Amino acid sequence: MTEDWTLQVRYPQRRDTGIYECQVGTTPPIGILMTLSVVEPVTTLLGGPEMYINKGSTMNLTCIVKHSPEPPPSIYWTHNSAEINYDSPRGGVSVITEKGDNTVSYLLVQRARDSDSGKYTCNPSNANPKSLIVHVLNGEHPAAMQHGGQLRLEYPVTACLLSVLLVLLGI
């Protein structure tokens, strides 16, 4: 008679990582070693915590999910806590998601306008969400902004990333 035994680790945590042995109570004992690696998916939103873009330009928000045992079944985006509707009358809003060892989701908003300013959140179904604040500028230059009595320099690094992405996508 054969019996199968299963070890189930509920709510695994990193401290559960290690070598486990299944042992049969024979003389001498027979055992099989198994390695368990517990990983925690990490979500990154490029360009954060704040991003500055010019009115009328294309906004590209890039969300990366790493260390996921499988690609997230879904990733949805929100703007000011409301799920983004890609079929809205506004138009010009699209998402490109590339699933793999590292899953990358791009939210593209064309012809940015004042109402596109606000908090954007990338919500992978199997990882923690990540947010950033987008400021759509009307010709202002945020190169030097005052924050809490300290001068902080801001550079819209994402403009370079957006240019590379648009070239790669042939847009």
Protein backbone atom coordinates (compact mmCIF):
# COMPACT_ATOMS: atom_id res chain seq x y z
CA MET A 1 0.00 0.00 0.00
CA THR A 2 1.43 3.37 -1.02
CA GLU A 3 0.78 6.53 0.92
CA ASP A 4 1.70 10.03 -0.28
CA TRP A 5 2.54 12.61 2.30
CA THR A 6 2.45 16.33 1.59
CA LEU A 7 4.06 19.11 3.56
CA GLN A 8 2.05 22.30 3.22
CA VAL A 9 3.54 25.57 4.45
CA ARG A 10 0.73 28.06 4.97
CA TYR A 11 1.56 31.75 4.74
CA PRO A 12 5.23 31.13 3.91
CA GLN A 13 7.73 33.71 5.08
CA ARG A 14 11.39 34.24 4.20
CA ARG A 15 12.44 32.51 7.42
CA ASP A 16 10.86 29.29 6.04
CA THR A 17 13.56 29.15 3.33
CA GLY A 18 15.81 26.13 3.79
CA ILE A 19 16.34 22.43 3.24
CA TYR A 20 13.52 20.06 4.17
CA GLU A 21 13.78 16.29 4.38
CA CYS A 22 11.06 13.75 3.79
CA GLN A 23 12.08 10.63 5.71
CA VAL A 24 10.62 7.14 5.61
CA GLY A 25 10.77 5.25 8.92
CA THR A 26 12.62 2.21 7.67
CA THR A 27 15.85 0.66 8.91
CA PRO A 28 18.01 2.30 7.76
CA PRO A 29 15.89 5.47 7.26
CA ILE A 30 15.44 6.65 3.68
CA GLY A 31 15.21 10.39 3.08
CA ILE A 32 14.85 12.83 0.22
CA LEU A 33 16.07 16.40 0.60
CA MET A 34 14.14 19.31 -0.91
CA THR A 35 15.12 22.98 -1.00
CA LEU A 36 12.44 25.59 -0.41
CA SER A 37 13.14 29.18 -1.47
CA VAL A 38 10.62 31.77 -0.33
CA VAL A 39 10.80 34.96 -2.35
CA GLU A 40 8.80 38.15 -2.01
CA PRO A 41 7.78 39.95 -5.20
CA VAL A 42 9.03 43.54 -5.38
CA THR A 43 7.23 46.30 -7.30
CA THR A 44 9.19 49.28 -8.62
CA LEU A 45 7.75 52.35 -10.34
CA LEU A 46 10.46 54.18 -12.30
CA GLY A 47 10.88 57.92 -11.94
CA GLY A 48 9.27 58.24 -8.51
CA PRO A 49 8.40 59.44 -6.01
CA GLU A 50 7.48 62.48 -8.17
CA MET A 51 7.55 62.95 -11.92
CA TYR A 52 7.32 66.19 -13.90
CA ILE A 53 6.14 66.22 -17.52
CA ASN A 54 5.19 68.98 -19.95
CA LYS A 55 1.60 69.54 -20.98
CA GLY A 56 0.92 67.98 -24.39
CA SER A 57 3.71 65.40 -24.11
CA THR A 58 3.35 61.64 -23.74
CA MET A 59 3.49 60.34 -20.18
CA ASN A 60 5.14 56.94 -19.75
CA LEU A 61 4.86 55.27 -16.35
CA THR A 62 6.89 52.07 -16.07
CA CYS A 63 6.11 49.45 -13.41
CA ILE A 64 8.45 46.50 -12.87
CA VAL A 65 7.59 43.39 -10.82
CA LYS A 66 10.63 41.30 -9.82
CA HIS A 67 11.14 38.12 -7.78
CA SER A 68 7.67 36.78 -8.51
CA PRO A 69 7.38 32.97 -8.71
CA GLU A 70 5.11 33.51 -11.72
CA PRO A 71 4.15 36.62 -13.70
CA PRO A 72 1.27 38.54 -12.12
CA PRO A 73 -2.01 37.34 -13.66
CA SER A 74 -3.05 40.99 -13.91
CA ILE A 75 -1.72 44.49 -13.32
CA TYR A 76 -4.13 47.37 -13.09
CA TRP A 77 -3.40 51.07 -12.83
CA THR A 78 -5.22 53.75 -10.85
CA HIS A 79 -5.23 57.53 -11.07
CA ASN A 80 -6.15 59.25 -7.78
CA SER A 81 -7.46 55.89 -6.47
CA ALA A 82 -9.86 55.36 -9.42
CA GLU A 83 -9.13 52.49 -11.80
CA ILE A 84 -8.05 53.80 -15.20
CA ASN A 85 -10.60 53.15 -17.91
CA TYR A 86 -8.77 52.60 -21.21
CA ASP A 87 -12.02 53.06 -23.19
CA SER A 88 -12.84 56.44 -21.65
CA PRO A 89 -13.85 59.37 -23.88
CA ARG A 90 -10.49 61.01 -23.02
CA GLY A 91 -8.69 58.57 -25.36
CA GLY A 92 -4.95 58.24 -25.83
CA VAL A 93 -4.48 55.97 -22.79
CA SER A 94 -2.96 52.52 -23.25
CA VAL A 95 -1.08 49.83 -21.36
CA ILE A 96 1.61 47.50 -22.64
CA THR A 97 2.55 44.60 -20.35
CA GLU A 98 5.45 42.23 -20.99
CA LYS A 99 5.28 39.16 -18.75
CA GLY A 100 8.39 37.19 -17.87
CA ASP A 101 10.95 36.69 -15.09
CA ASN A 102 10.63 40.44 -14.61
CA THR A 103 7.19 41.67 -15.64
CA VAL A 104 7.07 45.23 -17.01
CA SER A 105 3.88 47.25 -17.46
CA TYR A 106 3.91 50.60 -19.29
CA LEU A 107 1.07 53.08 -18.85
CA LEU A 108 1.13 55.53 -21.77
CA VAL A 109 -0.95 58.71 -21.66
CA GLN A 110 -0.74 60.81 -24.79
CA ARG A 111 -1.23 64.57 -24.92
CA ALA A 112 -0.92 65.06 -21.16
CA ARG A 113 -3.23 67.68 -19.69
CA ASP A 114 -3.66 69.33 -16.30
CA SER A 115 -6.30 66.78 -15.25
CA ASP A 116 -3.70 64.00 -15.71
CA SER A 117 -1.75 65.32 -12.70
CA GLY A 118 -2.09 63.30 -9.51
CA LYS A 119 -1.26 60.00 -7.87
CA TYR A 120 -0.73 56.98 -10.12
CA THR A 121 -0.55 53.46 -8.67
CA CYS A 122 0.58 50.22 -10.28
CA ASN A 123 -1.33 47.30 -8.72
CA PRO A 124 0.06 43.83 -9.55
CA SER A 125 -2.30 41.05 -8.46
CA ASN A 126 0.50 39.12 -6.70
CA ALA A 127 2.71 41.90 -5.30
CA ASN A 128 2.49 45.12 -3.34
CA PRO A 129 1.26 48.23 -5.18
CA LYS A 130 3.60 51.16 -5.86
CA SER A 131 2.64 54.83 -6.40
CA LEU A 132 4.10 58.08 -7.66
CA ILE A 133 2.86 61.64 -8.07
CA VAL A 134 2.76 63.15 -11.57
CA HIS A 135 2.86 66.91 -12.13
CA VAL A 136 1.81 68.14 -15.58
CA LEU A 137 3.54 71.47 -16.16
CA ASN A 138 2.35 74.45 -18.19
CA GLY A 139 5.79 75.62 -19.24
CA GLU A 140 7.07 75.98 -15.67
CA HIS A 141 10.62 74.84 -14.99
CA PRO A 142 10.84 72.65 -11.87
CA ALA A 143 14.65 72.39 -12.05
CA ALA A 144 14.93 73.86 -8.56
CA MET A 145 12.03 73.50 -6.15
CA GLN A 146 11.80 74.50 -2.50
CA HIS A 147 10.89 71.65 -0.12
CA GLY A 148 10.76 72.15 3.63
CA GLY A 149 13.37 74.90 3.67
CA GLN A 150 15.83 72.84 1.62
CA LEU A 151 16.65 73.27 -2.03
CA ARG A 152 16.21 70.05 -3.96
CA LEU A 153 17.06 69.63 -7.62
CA GLU A 154 14.55 67.80 -9.79
CA TYR A 155 15.46 66.32 -13.18
CA PRO A 156 12.84 64.69 -15.40
CA VAL A 157 14.95 61.58 -15.99
CA THR A 158 11.95 59.77 -17.43
CA ALA A 159 12.05 61.94 -20.57
CA CYS A 160 15.16 60.02 -21.61
CA LEU A 161 13.53 56.67 -20.81
CA LEU A 162 10.42 57.70 -22.72
CA SER A 163 12.48 58.61 -25.79
CA VAL A 164 14.19 55.22 -25.76
CA LEU A 165 10.85 53.42 -25.31
CA LEU A 166 9.21 55.33 -28.16
CA VAL A 167 12.12 54.51 -30.47
CA LEU A 168 11.93 50.82 -29.50
CA LEU A 169 8.17 50.74 -30.03
CA GLY A 170 8.48 52.58 -33.34
CA ILE A 171 6.12 55.35 -32.25
